[in-house]
């Protein structure tokens, strides 16, 4: 039995996977987007995270990167889900293609939870979100998604940090597209991730 955090904005798929995983003895907590997943993760301390890639407010890779910046989550296995073909990265231990084959998913969970991923520094293996003014981003909705108990100021700071992450990812992509040195921009992006992760730790007290 494992404590699993399942993140997906498709409620039908989320409900179906929760039912299937629960039927196999796992305790499953759900979040409907990456922002809600941040609070859920710090509150329930999952033993494994299963996340969709493309979601409103905050995409799966961004949420994973923020959580992996915290030492207590670096050894938590992560499975990403997508309709496109994905390869495992140093942050995501495995990937499954949608529609999800439940037997394959159960085997992955079994294999990943037998061993503990080696902790390490966060990496940029997962793609940085490169769109600064994403149409799916709505600050008010993002703040609300952090939960009714969240302090407005605390939630607003987290969301502002995520906006800065997105903007810096856009700058990095622009520099790379022009064959310019993006090292400083990449370092700033990493610092922003760490800053947001630090604020996320305060969510249980907000």
N, C-alpha and C. Protein backbone atom coordinates (compact mmCIF):
# COMPACT_ATOMS: atom_id res chain seq x y z
N UNK A 1 0.84 -1.19 0.00
CA UNK A 1 0.00 0.00 0.00
C UNK A 1 0.87 1.24 0.00
N UNK A 2 0.62 2.17 -0.92
CA UNK A 2 1.38 3.39 -1.04
C UNK A 2 0.47 4.61 -0.97
N UNK A 3 1.01 5.71 -0.44
CA UNK A 3 0.29 6.97 -0.41
C UNK A 3 0.66 7.71 -1.70
N UNK A 4 -0.32 7.90 -2.57
CA UNK A 4 -0.07 8.45 -3.91
C UNK A 4 -0.79 9.78 -4.09
N UNK A 5 -0.08 10.74 -4.68
CA UNK A 5 -0.70 12.00 -5.08
C UNK A 5 -0.92 11.93 -6.59
N UNK A 6 -2.18 11.99 -7.02
CA UNK A 6 -2.56 11.91 -8.43
C UNK A 6 -3.00 13.29 -8.90
N UNK A 7 -2.34 13.81 -9.94
CA UNK A 7 -2.61 15.17 -10.41
C UNK A 7 -3.07 15.12 -11.86
N UNK A 8 -4.30 15.55 -12.12
CA UNK A 8 -4.81 15.59 -13.49
C UNK A 8 -6.05 16.47 -13.54
N UNK A 9 -6.15 17.30 -14.56
CA UNK A 9 -7.32 18.19 -14.67
C UNK A 9 -8.51 17.50 -15.33
N UNK A 10 -8.31 16.30 -15.88
CA UNK A 10 -9.41 15.53 -16.46
C UNK A 10 -10.07 14.73 -15.33
N UNK A 11 -11.22 15.20 -14.87
CA UNK A 11 -11.83 14.59 -13.69
C UNK A 11 -12.27 13.15 -13.94
N UNK A 12 -12.65 12.83 -15.17
CA UNK A 12 -13.08 11.46 -15.45
C UNK A 12 -11.90 10.49 -15.37
N UNK A 13 -10.77 10.87 -15.96
CA UNK A 13 -9.59 10.03 -15.88
C UNK A 13 -9.08 9.96 -14.45
N UNK A 14 -9.09 11.10 -13.77
CA UNK A 14 -8.63 11.15 -12.38
C UNK A 14 -9.45 10.23 -11.50
N UNK A 15 -10.77 10.28 -11.64
CA UNK A 15 -11.65 9.43 -10.83
C UNK A 15 -11.44 7.95 -11.16
N UNK A 16 -11.26 7.66 -12.46
CA UNK A 16 -11.08 6.26 -12.87
C UNK A 16 -9.76 5.70 -12.32
N UNK A 17 -8.68 6.50 -12.40
CA UNK A 17 -7.39 6.04 -11.89
C UNK A 17 -7.41 5.92 -10.37
N UNK A 18 -8.06 6.87 -9.71
CA UNK A 18 -8.17 6.80 -8.25
C UNK A 18 -8.89 5.53 -7.83
N UNK A 19 -9.98 5.20 -8.51
CA UNK A 19 -10.75 4.00 -8.17
C UNK A 19 -9.91 2.74 -8.40
N UNK A 20 -9.20 2.69 -9.53
CA UNK A 20 -8.39 1.51 -9.85
C UNK A 20 -7.24 1.33 -8.87
N UNK A 21 -6.56 2.42 -8.55
CA UNK A 21 -5.42 2.34 -7.63
C UNK A 21 -5.88 2.01 -6.21
N UNK A 22 -7.01 2.59 -5.81
CA UNK A 22 -7.56 2.30 -4.49
C UNK A 22 -7.96 0.83 -4.39
N UNK A 23 -8.52 0.28 -5.48
CA UNK A 23 -8.93 -1.13 -5.49
C UNK A 23 -7.73 -2.06 -5.32
N UNK A 24 -6.54 -1.57 -5.66
CA UNK A 24 -5.32 -2.37 -5.51
C UNK A 24 -4.57 -2.03 -4.23
N UNK A 25 -5.25 -1.38 -3.28
CA UNK A 25 -4.70 -1.19 -1.95
C UNK A 25 -3.96 0.11 -1.70
N UNK A 26 -3.89 0.99 -2.69
CA UNK A 26 -3.18 2.26 -2.50
C UNK A 26 -4.10 3.32 -1.91
N UNK A 27 -3.52 4.26 -1.20
CA UNK A 27 -4.26 5.40 -0.68
C UNK A 27 -3.99 6.56 -1.64
N UNK A 28 -5.03 7.05 -2.30
CA UNK A 28 -4.85 8.03 -3.36
C UNK A 28 -5.48 9.37 -3.01
N UNK A 29 -4.68 10.42 -3.09
CA UNK A 29 -5.16 11.78 -2.92
C UNK A 29 -5.08 12.47 -4.28
N UNK A 30 -6.05 13.31 -4.58
CA UNK A 30 -6.10 13.91 -5.92
C UNK A 30 -5.97 15.43 -5.88
N UNK A 31 -5.41 15.96 -6.95
CA UNK A 31 -5.34 17.41 -7.17
C UNK A 31 -5.68 17.65 -8.64
N UNK A 32 -6.41 18.74 -8.89
CA UNK A 32 -6.89 18.97 -10.26
C UNK A 32 -5.97 19.85 -11.10
N UNK A 33 -4.91 20.38 -10.51
CA UNK A 33 -3.94 21.14 -11.28
C UNK A 33 -2.64 21.23 -10.47
N UNK A 34 -1.61 21.77 -11.12
CA UNK A 34 -0.29 21.83 -10.46
C UNK A 34 -0.26 22.70 -9.24
N UNK A 35 -1.04 23.78 -9.23
CA UNK A 35 -1.08 24.67 -8.07
C UNK A 35 -1.66 23.95 -6.87
N UNK A 36 -2.82 23.31 -7.05
CA UNK A 36 -3.44 22.56 -5.95
C UNK A 36 -2.53 21.43 -5.49
N UNK A 37 -1.74 20.89 -6.41
CA UNK A 37 -0.83 19.79 -6.05
C UNK A 37 0.26 20.23 -5.08
N UNK A 38 0.67 21.50 -5.16
CA UNK A 38 1.72 21.99 -4.26
C UNK A 38 1.26 21.90 -2.80
N UNK A 39 0.03 22.40 -2.55
CA UNK A 39 -0.50 22.32 -1.18
C UNK A 39 -0.71 20.87 -0.77
N UNK A 40 -1.30 20.08 -1.66
CA UNK A 40 -1.58 18.68 -1.33
C UNK A 40 -0.29 17.94 -0.97
N UNK A 41 0.77 18.19 -1.73
CA UNK A 41 2.03 17.48 -1.48
C UNK A 41 2.61 17.80 -0.11
N UNK A 42 2.63 19.08 0.26
CA UNK A 42 3.22 19.43 1.55
C UNK A 42 2.35 18.97 2.71
N UNK A 43 1.04 18.80 2.47
CA UNK A 43 0.16 18.37 3.55
C UNK A 43 0.13 16.85 3.73
N UNK A 44 0.12 16.10 2.62
CA UNK A 44 -0.03 14.64 2.76
C UNK A 44 1.29 13.88 2.68
N UNK A 45 2.36 14.56 2.19
CA UNK A 45 3.68 13.92 2.07
C UNK A 45 3.58 12.57 1.33
N UNK A 46 3.27 12.62 0.04
CA UNK A 46 3.07 11.37 -0.73
C UNK A 46 4.34 10.55 -0.87
N UNK A 47 4.17 9.25 -1.05
CA UNK A 47 5.29 8.35 -1.29
C UNK A 47 5.56 8.20 -2.79
N UNK A 48 4.60 8.67 -3.62
CA UNK A 48 4.75 8.62 -5.07
C UNK A 48 3.82 9.65 -5.68
N UNK A 49 4.28 10.29 -6.76
CA UNK A 49 3.48 11.30 -7.44
C UNK A 49 3.22 10.85 -8.88
N UNK A 50 1.96 10.90 -9.29
CA UNK A 50 1.58 10.64 -10.68
C UNK A 50 0.97 11.93 -11.21
N UNK A 51 1.55 12.48 -12.27
CA UNK A 51 1.09 13.78 -12.74
C UNK A 51 0.93 13.84 -14.25
N UNK A 52 -0.13 14.49 -14.67
CA UNK A 52 -0.31 14.80 -16.08
C UNK A 52 0.70 15.88 -16.44
N UNK A 53 1.03 16.00 -17.74
CA UNK A 53 1.96 17.03 -18.20
C UNK A 53 1.24 18.37 -18.39
N UNK A 54 0.23 18.38 -19.24
CA UNK A 54 -0.45 19.63 -19.60
C UNK A 54 -1.67 19.87 -18.74
N UNK A 55 -1.59 20.95 -17.93
CA UNK A 55 -2.70 21.30 -17.05
C UNK A 55 -2.82 22.81 -16.97
N UNK A 56 -4.00 23.31 -16.59
CA UNK A 56 -4.15 24.76 -16.43
C UNK A 56 -3.40 25.25 -15.19
N UNK A 57 -3.14 26.52 -15.15
CA UNK A 57 -2.51 27.22 -14.02
C UNK A 57 -1.02 26.87 -13.87
N UNK A 58 -0.72 25.62 -13.65
CA UNK A 58 0.69 25.21 -13.49
C UNK A 58 0.83 23.80 -14.04
N UNK A 59 1.69 23.62 -15.01
CA UNK A 59 1.83 22.31 -15.65
C UNK A 59 2.60 21.33 -14.76
N UNK A 60 2.42 20.05 -15.06
CA UNK A 60 3.04 19.00 -14.26
C UNK A 60 4.53 19.15 -14.07
N UNK A 61 5.32 19.36 -15.14
CA UNK A 61 6.77 19.51 -14.97
C UNK A 61 7.16 20.65 -14.06
N UNK A 62 6.42 21.78 -14.13
CA UNK A 62 6.72 22.91 -13.24
C UNK A 62 6.45 22.56 -11.78
N UNK A 63 5.32 21.90 -11.53
CA UNK A 63 4.98 21.51 -10.16
C UNK A 63 6.02 20.53 -9.61
N UNK A 64 6.42 19.56 -10.43
CA UNK A 64 7.43 18.59 -10.01
C UNK A 64 8.75 19.28 -9.72
N UNK A 65 9.15 20.20 -10.60
CA UNK A 65 10.43 20.88 -10.39
C UNK A 65 10.44 21.65 -9.08
N UNK A 66 9.33 22.34 -8.77
CA UNK A 66 9.24 23.09 -7.51
C UNK A 66 9.34 22.14 -6.31
N UNK A 67 8.60 21.04 -6.35
CA UNK A 67 8.64 20.08 -5.24
C UNK A 67 10.01 19.44 -5.10
N UNK A 68 10.66 19.14 -6.23
CA UNK A 68 11.97 18.48 -6.18
C UNK A 68 13.05 19.43 -5.68
N UNK A 69 12.76 20.72 -5.62
CA UNK A 69 13.72 21.67 -5.05
C UNK A 69 13.77 21.56 -3.53
N UNK A 70 12.77 20.85 -2.96
CA UNK A 70 12.72 20.64 -1.51
C UNK A 70 13.32 19.27 -1.18
N UNK A 71 14.27 19.21 -0.26
CA UNK A 71 14.93 17.95 0.08
C UNK A 71 13.97 16.80 0.39
N UNK A 72 12.85 17.08 1.06
CA UNK A 72 11.96 16.00 1.47
C UNK A 72 11.24 15.35 0.29
N UNK A 73 11.26 15.99 -0.89
CA UNK A 73 10.60 15.41 -2.05
C UNK A 73 11.57 14.85 -3.10
N UNK A 74 12.87 15.03 -2.88
CA UNK A 74 13.83 14.63 -3.91
C UNK A 74 13.87 13.12 -4.13
N UNK A 75 13.52 12.36 -3.12
CA UNK A 75 13.54 10.90 -3.27
C UNK A 75 12.17 10.31 -3.57
N UNK A 76 11.16 11.17 -3.77
CA UNK A 76 9.81 10.70 -4.08
C UNK A 76 9.73 10.39 -5.57
N UNK A 77 9.42 9.14 -5.95
CA UNK A 77 9.32 8.79 -7.37
C UNK A 77 8.19 9.55 -8.06
N UNK A 78 8.41 9.88 -9.32
CA UNK A 78 7.42 10.63 -10.10
C UNK A 78 7.14 9.90 -11.42
N UNK A 79 5.86 9.76 -11.73
CA UNK A 79 5.44 9.21 -13.02
C UNK A 79 4.66 10.30 -13.74
N UNK A 80 5.09 10.63 -14.95
CA UNK A 80 4.39 11.63 -15.75
C UNK A 80 3.48 10.94 -16.76
N UNK A 81 2.35 11.57 -17.03
CA UNK A 81 1.39 11.04 -18.01
C UNK A 81 1.21 12.06 -19.13
N UNK A 82 1.13 11.57 -20.35
CA UNK A 82 0.92 12.47 -21.48
C UNK A 82 0.36 11.69 -22.66
N UNK A 83 -0.33 12.42 -23.54
CA UNK A 83 -0.80 11.82 -24.77
C UNK A 83 0.32 11.66 -25.78
N UNK A 84 1.45 12.35 -25.53
CA UNK A 84 2.61 12.25 -26.42
C UNK A 84 3.64 11.31 -25.82
N UNK A 85 4.56 10.86 -26.66
CA UNK A 85 5.63 9.96 -26.19
C UNK A 85 6.59 10.73 -25.31
N UNK A 86 6.92 10.16 -24.14
CA UNK A 86 7.83 10.82 -23.20
C UNK A 86 8.96 9.87 -22.82
N UNK A 87 10.08 10.45 -22.46
CA UNK A 87 11.21 9.65 -21.97
C UNK A 87 11.45 9.99 -20.51
N UNK A 88 11.86 9.02 -19.67
CA UNK A 88 12.16 9.31 -18.27
C UNK A 88 13.28 10.35 -18.17
N UNK A 89 13.24 11.17 -17.15
CA UNK A 89 14.29 12.16 -16.91
C UNK A 89 14.80 11.98 -15.50
N UNK A 90 15.76 12.81 -15.12
CA UNK A 90 16.32 12.70 -13.77
C UNK A 90 15.31 13.13 -12.71
N UNK A 91 14.27 13.86 -13.09
CA UNK A 91 13.24 14.26 -12.13
C UNK A 91 12.01 13.35 -12.23
N UNK A 92 11.66 12.94 -13.43
CA UNK A 92 10.55 12.01 -13.60
C UNK A 92 11.13 10.62 -13.82
N UNK A 93 10.77 9.69 -12.94
CA UNK A 93 11.36 8.35 -12.98
C UNK A 93 10.76 7.48 -14.07
N UNK A 94 9.55 7.81 -14.50
CA UNK A 94 8.90 7.01 -15.53
C UNK A 94 7.84 7.86 -16.22
N UNK A 95 7.41 7.38 -17.39
CA UNK A 95 6.37 8.09 -18.14
C UNK A 95 5.40 7.07 -18.72
N UNK A 96 4.12 7.42 -18.74
CA UNK A 96 3.11 6.55 -19.33
C UNK A 96 2.32 7.34 -20.37
N UNK A 97 1.90 6.63 -21.39
CA UNK A 97 1.16 7.26 -22.48
C UNK A 97 -0.34 7.15 -22.20
N UNK A 98 -1.05 8.22 -22.44
CA UNK A 98 -2.52 8.19 -22.35
C UNK A 98 -3.10 7.64 -23.65
N UNK A 99 -4.17 6.86 -23.62
CA UNK A 99 -4.91 6.41 -22.42
C UNK A 99 -4.07 5.44 -21.60
N UNK A 100 -4.16 5.59 -20.29
CA UNK A 100 -3.29 4.85 -19.36
C UNK A 100 -3.72 3.39 -19.26
N UNK A 101 -2.75 2.52 -19.41
CA UNK A 101 -2.96 1.09 -19.18
C UNK A 101 -2.74 0.85 -17.68
N UNK A 102 -3.81 0.50 -16.96
CA UNK A 102 -3.72 0.40 -15.51
C UNK A 102 -2.75 -0.68 -15.06
N UNK A 103 -2.68 -1.78 -15.80
CA UNK A 103 -1.74 -2.84 -15.42
C UNK A 103 -0.29 -2.36 -15.55
N UNK A 104 -0.02 -1.63 -16.61
CA UNK A 104 1.32 -1.07 -16.80
C UNK A 104 1.64 -0.09 -15.68
N UNK A 105 0.66 0.74 -15.33
CA UNK A 105 0.86 1.72 -14.26
C UNK A 105 1.14 1.03 -12.93
N UNK A 106 0.39 -0.02 -12.63
CA UNK A 106 0.59 -0.75 -11.38
C UNK A 106 1.98 -1.38 -11.32
N UNK A 107 2.45 -1.90 -12.45
CA UNK A 107 3.80 -2.48 -12.49
C UNK A 107 4.85 -1.41 -12.27
N UNK A 108 4.64 -0.24 -12.87
CA UNK A 108 5.58 0.87 -12.67
C UNK A 108 5.64 1.28 -11.20
N UNK A 109 4.47 1.39 -10.59
CA UNK A 109 4.41 1.77 -9.17
C UNK A 109 5.14 0.74 -8.32
N UNK A 110 4.90 -0.52 -8.60
CA UNK A 110 5.54 -1.59 -7.84
C UNK A 110 7.06 -1.50 -7.97
N UNK A 111 7.54 -1.29 -9.20
CA UNK A 111 8.97 -1.22 -9.43
C UNK A 111 9.61 0.00 -8.81
N UNK A 112 8.95 1.15 -8.91
CA UNK A 112 9.52 2.40 -8.40
C UNK A 112 9.55 2.45 -6.89
N UNK A 113 8.54 1.87 -6.25
CA UNK A 113 8.49 1.94 -4.79
C UNK A 113 9.34 0.87 -4.12
N UNK A 114 9.92 -0.05 -4.91
CA UNK A 114 10.85 -1.02 -4.32
C UNK A 114 12.17 -0.36 -3.98
N UNK A 115 12.53 0.64 -4.78
CA UNK A 115 13.80 1.33 -4.57
C UNK A 115 13.55 2.80 -4.36
N UNK A 116 14.48 3.46 -3.72
CA UNK A 116 14.36 4.89 -3.46
C UNK A 116 15.24 5.63 -4.43
N UNK A 117 14.64 6.62 -5.09
CA UNK A 117 15.43 7.40 -6.03
C UNK A 117 16.53 8.15 -5.29
N UNK A 118 17.71 8.21 -5.87
CA UNK A 118 18.82 8.90 -5.22
C UNK A 118 18.60 10.39 -5.26
N UNK A 119 18.70 11.07 -4.07
CA UNK A 119 18.46 12.50 -4.05
C UNK A 119 19.58 13.24 -4.76
N UNK A 120 19.26 14.37 -5.28
CA UNK A 120 20.27 15.16 -5.96
C UNK A 120 19.74 16.55 -6.22
N UNK A 121 20.56 17.38 -6.84
CA UNK A 121 20.15 18.74 -7.13
C UNK A 121 19.10 18.74 -8.23
N UNK A 122 18.17 19.69 -8.17
CA UNK A 122 17.17 19.77 -9.23
C UNK A 122 17.85 20.00 -10.57
N UNK A 123 17.28 19.47 -11.63
CA UNK A 123 17.87 19.66 -12.95
C UNK A 123 16.86 20.26 -13.90
N UNK A 124 17.34 20.64 -15.08
CA UNK A 124 16.46 21.20 -16.08
C UNK A 124 16.07 20.15 -17.11
N UNK A 125 16.11 18.87 -16.74
CA UNK A 125 15.77 17.81 -17.68
C UNK A 125 14.33 17.94 -18.17
N UNK A 126 13.44 18.33 -17.26
CA UNK A 126 12.06 18.58 -17.67
C UNK A 126 12.02 19.94 -18.36
N UNK A 127 11.23 20.05 -19.40
CA UNK A 127 11.23 21.30 -20.16
C UNK A 127 10.73 22.48 -19.34
N UNK A 128 11.47 23.59 -19.38
CA UNK A 128 11.00 24.80 -18.73
C UNK A 128 9.83 25.34 -19.52
N UNK A 129 8.86 25.87 -18.83
CA UNK A 129 7.72 26.47 -19.55
C UNK A 129 8.22 27.74 -20.20
N UNK A 130 8.11 27.83 -21.50
CA UNK A 130 8.75 28.91 -22.24
C UNK A 130 7.80 30.03 -22.65
N UNK A 131 6.56 30.02 -22.18
CA UNK A 131 5.59 31.03 -22.59
C UNK A 131 5.29 31.94 -21.41
N UNK A 132 5.69 33.19 -21.51
CA UNK A 132 5.53 34.12 -20.39
C UNK A 132 4.07 34.49 -20.18
N UNK A 133 3.34 34.78 -21.28
CA UNK A 133 1.96 35.22 -21.15
C UNK A 133 1.00 34.12 -21.53
N UNK A 134 1.08 32.99 -20.86
CA UNK A 134 0.26 31.84 -21.22
C UNK A 134 -1.22 32.14 -21.00
N UNK A 135 -2.05 31.78 -21.97
CA UNK A 135 -3.48 32.07 -21.88
C UNK A 135 -4.16 31.28 -20.78
N UNK A 136 -3.57 30.15 -20.36
CA UNK A 136 -4.18 29.33 -19.33
C UNK A 136 -3.91 29.83 -17.92
N UNK A 137 -3.06 30.85 -17.81
CA UNK A 137 -2.70 31.34 -16.47
C UNK A 137 -3.67 32.42 -16.02
N UNK A 138 -4.24 32.24 -14.85
CA UNK A 138 -5.15 33.21 -14.26
C UNK A 138 -4.76 33.31 -12.79
N UNK A 139 -4.19 34.44 -12.40
CA UNK A 139 -3.67 34.57 -11.04
C UNK A 139 -4.75 34.36 -9.98
N UNK A 140 -5.93 34.92 -10.20
CA UNK A 140 -7.01 34.77 -9.21
C UNK A 140 -7.39 33.31 -9.03
N UNK A 141 -7.49 32.58 -10.15
CA UNK A 141 -7.82 31.16 -10.07
C UNK A 141 -6.69 30.38 -9.40
N UNK A 142 -5.45 30.76 -9.71
CA UNK A 142 -4.30 30.07 -9.12
C UNK A 142 -4.28 30.25 -7.61
N UNK A 143 -4.54 31.48 -7.16
CA UNK A 143 -4.57 31.75 -5.72
C UNK A 143 -5.69 30.94 -5.06
N UNK A 144 -6.86 30.93 -5.70
CA UNK A 144 -8.00 30.17 -5.15
C UNK A 144 -7.68 28.68 -5.11
N UNK A 145 -6.93 28.19 -6.09
CA UNK A 145 -6.62 26.77 -6.17
C UNK A 145 -5.70 26.31 -5.05
N UNK A 146 -5.01 27.24 -4.43
CA UNK A 146 -4.14 26.89 -3.31
C UNK A 146 -4.96 26.49 -2.08
N UNK A 147 -6.23 26.77 -2.09
CA UNK A 147 -7.09 26.30 -1.00
C UNK A 147 -7.68 27.45 -0.21
N UNK A 148 -8.87 27.24 0.34
CA UNK A 148 -9.56 28.29 1.08
C UNK A 148 -8.78 28.73 2.32
N UNK A 149 -7.98 27.80 2.87
CA UNK A 149 -7.26 28.14 4.09
C UNK A 149 -6.03 28.99 3.82
N UNK A 150 -5.65 29.08 2.56
CA UNK A 150 -4.40 29.76 2.24
C UNK A 150 -4.51 31.26 2.53
N UNK A 151 -3.44 31.79 3.10
CA UNK A 151 -3.36 33.22 3.34
C UNK A 151 -3.19 33.89 1.97
N UNK A 152 -3.99 34.93 1.72
CA UNK A 152 -3.97 35.58 0.41
C UNK A 152 -2.58 36.09 0.06
N UNK A 153 -1.90 36.69 1.01
CA UNK A 153 -0.56 37.24 0.74
C UNK A 153 0.42 36.13 0.40
N UNK A 154 0.38 35.03 1.16
CA UNK A 154 1.27 33.90 0.93
C UNK A 154 1.00 33.30 -0.46
N UNK A 155 -0.27 33.08 -0.78
CA UNK A 155 -0.63 32.51 -2.07
C UNK A 155 -0.23 33.44 -3.21
N UNK A 156 -0.43 34.73 -3.02
CA UNK A 156 -0.09 35.71 -4.06
C UNK A 156 1.41 35.72 -4.33
N UNK A 157 2.21 35.56 -3.28
CA UNK A 157 3.67 35.54 -3.47
C UNK A 157 4.10 34.30 -4.24
N UNK A 158 3.48 33.18 -3.92
CA UNK A 158 3.80 31.94 -4.64
C UNK A 158 3.45 32.09 -6.12
N UNK A 159 2.27 32.64 -6.40
CA UNK A 159 1.84 32.80 -7.77
C UNK A 159 2.71 33.81 -8.51
N UNK A 160 3.13 34.86 -7.82
CA UNK A 160 4.04 35.83 -8.46
C UNK A 160 5.38 35.17 -8.78
N UNK A 161 5.85 34.32 -7.89
CA UNK A 161 7.09 33.60 -8.15
C UNK A 161 6.98 32.70 -9.37
N UNK A 162 5.82 32.05 -9.52
CA UNK A 162 5.60 31.18 -10.68
C UNK A 162 5.55 32.01 -11.96
N UNK A 163 4.94 33.19 -11.89
CA UNK A 163 4.91 34.08 -13.05
C UNK A 163 6.33 34.48 -13.46
N UNK A 164 7.18 34.77 -12.46
CA UNK A 164 8.57 35.12 -12.76
C UNK A 164 9.33 33.93 -13.34
N UNK A 165 9.02 32.72 -12.85
CA UNK A 165 9.62 31.51 -13.43
C UNK A 165 9.28 31.41 -14.92
N UNK A 166 8.00 31.59 -15.24
CA UNK A 166 7.55 31.49 -16.62
C UNK A 166 8.22 32.55 -17.50
N UNK A 167 8.31 33.78 -16.95
CA UNK A 167 8.92 34.86 -17.72
C UNK A 167 10.40 34.58 -17.97
N UNK A 168 11.09 34.05 -16.97
CA UNK A 168 12.52 33.75 -17.14
C UNK A 168 12.72 32.59 -18.10
N UNK A 169 11.81 31.62 -18.08
CA UNK A 169 11.88 30.53 -19.05
C UNK A 169 11.73 31.07 -20.47
N UNK A 170 10.87 32.06 -20.64
CA UNK A 170 10.67 32.69 -21.94
C UNK A 170 11.96 33.39 -22.39
N UNK A 171 12.60 34.11 -21.45
CA UNK A 171 13.85 34.79 -21.80
C UNK A 171 14.94 33.79 -22.18
N UNK A 172 15.01 32.70 -21.43
CA UNK A 172 16.01 31.67 -21.72
C UNK A 172 15.80 31.09 -23.11
N UNK A 173 14.55 30.79 -23.44
CA UNK A 173 14.25 30.24 -24.76
C UNK A 173 14.59 31.23 -25.86
N UNK A 174 14.35 32.52 -25.59
CA UNK A 174 14.66 33.56 -26.58
C UNK A 174 16.16 33.65 -26.81
N UNK A 175 16.94 33.62 -25.72
CA UNK A 175 18.41 33.68 -25.85
C UNK A 175 18.93 32.48 -26.63
N UNK A 176 18.39 31.29 -26.31
CA UNK A 176 18.84 30.09 -27.00
C UNK A 176 18.49 30.14 -28.49
N UNK A 177 17.30 30.68 -28.81
CA UNK A 177 16.88 30.74 -30.21
C UNK A 177 17.78 31.66 -31.02
N UNK A 178 18.46 32.59 -30.33
CA UNK A 178 19.36 33.52 -31.00
C UNK A 178 20.82 33.12 -30.85
N UNK A 179 21.00 31.88 -30.33
CA UNK A 179 22.36 31.32 -30.14
C UNK A 179 23.20 32.18 -29.21
N UNK A 180 22.54 32.78 -28.21
CA UNK A 180 23.24 33.59 -27.21
C UNK A 180 23.42 32.78 -25.94
N UNK A 181 24.37 33.21 -25.10
CA UNK A 181 24.66 32.51 -23.85
C UNK A 181 23.49 32.70 -22.88
N UNK A 182 22.87 31.59 -22.46
CA UNK A 182 21.70 31.65 -21.57
C UNK A 182 22.03 31.18 -20.15
N UNK A 183 23.32 31.04 -19.84
CA UNK A 183 23.72 30.49 -18.55
C UNK A 183 23.18 31.30 -17.37
N UNK A 184 23.33 32.62 -17.42
CA UNK A 184 22.86 33.46 -16.31
C UNK A 184 21.34 33.39 -16.17
N UNK A 185 20.65 33.34 -17.30
CA UNK A 185 19.19 33.24 -17.27
C UNK A 185 18.76 31.90 -16.67
N UNK A 186 19.48 30.83 -17.00
CA UNK A 186 19.17 29.51 -16.44
C UNK A 186 19.39 29.50 -14.93
N UNK A 187 20.47 30.14 -14.49
CA UNK A 187 20.75 30.20 -13.05
C UNK A 187 19.67 30.98 -12.32
N UNK A 188 19.24 32.08 -12.91
CA UNK A 188 18.17 32.88 -12.29
C UNK A 188 16.88 32.06 -12.21
N UNK A 189 16.59 31.31 -13.27
CA UNK A 189 15.41 30.43 -13.25
C UNK A 189 15.48 29.44 -12.10
N UNK A 190 16.64 28.82 -11.90
CA UNK A 190 16.80 27.87 -10.80
C UNK A 190 16.60 28.53 -9.44
N UNK A 191 17.10 29.77 -9.29
CA UNK A 191 16.93 30.49 -8.02
C UNK A 191 15.45 30.80 -7.78
N UNK A 192 14.74 31.13 -8.86
CA UNK A 192 13.30 31.40 -8.73
C UNK A 192 12.55 30.14 -8.30
N UNK A 193 12.93 29.00 -8.88
CA UNK A 193 12.32 27.73 -8.48
C UNK A 193 12.53 27.49 -6.99
N UNK A 194 13.76 27.71 -6.52
CA UNK A 194 14.07 27.49 -5.11
C UNK A 194 13.28 28.44 -4.22
N UNK A 195 13.10 29.69 -4.66
CA UNK A 195 12.34 30.66 -3.88
C UNK A 195 10.88 30.25 -3.75
N UNK A 196 10.29 29.81 -4.87
CA UNK A 196 8.89 29.36 -4.83
C UNK A 196 8.77 28.13 -3.94
N UNK A 197 9.73 27.22 -4.03
CA UNK A 197 9.70 26.02 -3.20
C UNK A 197 9.74 26.37 -1.72
N UNK A 198 10.54 27.37 -1.37
CA UNK A 198 10.62 27.81 0.03
C UNK A 198 9.27 28.34 0.51
N UNK A 199 8.59 29.11 -0.34
CA UNK A 199 7.28 29.63 0.03
C UNK A 199 6.25 28.51 0.14
N UNK A 200 6.36 27.50 -0.73
CA UNK A 200 5.43 26.38 -0.70
C UNK A 200 5.47 25.66 0.66
N UNK A 201 6.64 25.62 1.27
CA UNK A 201 6.79 24.98 2.57
C UNK A 201 5.94 25.65 3.63
N UNK A 202 5.59 26.91 3.41
CA UNK A 202 4.79 27.66 4.39
C UNK A 202 3.29 27.41 4.26
N UNK A 203 2.88 26.72 3.19
CA UNK A 203 1.45 26.51 2.94
C UNK A 203 0.70 25.88 4.12
N UNK A 204 1.26 24.89 4.81
CA UNK A 204 0.49 24.32 5.93
C UNK A 204 0.20 25.31 7.04
N UNK A 205 0.97 26.41 7.07
CA UNK A 205 0.78 27.39 8.14
C UNK A 205 -0.01 28.60 7.67
N UNK A 206 -0.39 28.61 6.38
CA UNK A 206 -1.15 29.74 5.84
C UNK A 206 -2.65 29.55 6.06
